Amino acid sequence: MPESATWLAAAASDQQGPGATLRIVLIVSMVGAVFLAWFLLRGYSDNDKND
């Protein structure tokens, strides 16, 4: 194992629990859900004005 990988594994083991990773995953999924909703709902707008 290269020295950089050993250092990275040692640094990761200093953290307790999945706090930071879980927080990042939750934030990214919320932003993704908002983007997906915007992308899907923009198709429902009536820009043609077929009156």
Protein backbone atom coordinates (compact mmCIF):
# COMPACT_ATOMS: atom_id res chain seq x y z
CA MET A 1 0.00 0.00 0.00
CA PRO A 2 1.47 3.40 -0.93
CA GLU A 3 2.26 5.83 1.85
CA SER A 4 -0.46 8.27 0.76
CA ALA A 5 -3.13 5.56 1.01
CA THR A 6 -1.87 4.63 4.49
CA TRP A 7 -2.03 8.26 5.59
CA LEU A 8 -5.53 8.63 4.13
CA ALA A 9 -6.75 5.50 5.92
CA ALA A 10 -5.28 6.74 9.20
CA ALA A 11 -6.91 10.16 8.76
CA ALA A 12 -10.28 8.57 7.99
CA SER A 13 -10.10 6.38 11.08
CA ASP A 14 -9.80 9.46 13.31
CA GLN A 15 -13.38 10.44 12.51
CA GLN A 16 -16.17 8.96 14.57
CA GLY A 17 -19.24 7.77 12.74
CA PRO A 18 -20.63 8.64 9.34
CA GLY A 19 -21.52 12.23 10.25
CA ALA A 20 -19.76 14.21 7.53
CA THR A 21 -20.41 11.65 4.78
CA LEU A 22 -24.06 11.31 5.70
CA ARG A 23 -24.49 15.09 5.76
CA ILE A 24 -22.97 15.41 2.28
CA VAL A 25 -25.14 12.60 0.91
CA LEU A 26 -28.30 14.20 2.33
CA ILE A 27 -27.48 17.64 0.94
CA VAL A 28 -26.65 16.28 -2.52
CA SER A 29 -29.84 14.22 -2.62
CA MET A 30 -31.97 17.21 -1.59
CA VAL A 31 -30.41 19.37 -4.29
CA GLY A 32 -30.89 16.53 -6.77
CA ALA A 33 -34.56 16.16 -5.81
CA VAL A 34 -35.15 19.89 -6.30
CA PHE A 35 -33.41 19.81 -9.67
CA LEU A 36 -35.39 16.73 -10.75
CA ALA A 37 -38.69 18.33 -9.70
CA TRP A 38 -37.82 21.52 -11.59
CA PHE A 39 -36.83 19.52 -14.68
CA LEU A 40 -40.01 17.43 -14.65
CA LEU A 41 -42.42 20.23 -13.79
CA ARG A 42 -41.11 22.70 -16.36
CA GLY A 43 -42.71 20.54 -19.05
CA TYR A 44 -46.16 21.31 -17.61
CA SER A 45 -45.94 25.04 -18.24
CA ASP A 46 -48.10 26.26 -21.11
CA ASN A 47 -45.95 28.64 -23.12
CA ASP A 48 -47.92 28.19 -26.36
CA LYS A 49 -50.96 30.24 -25.30
CA ASN A 50 -53.40 28.20 -27.44
CA ASP A 51 -56.46 30.40 -26.88
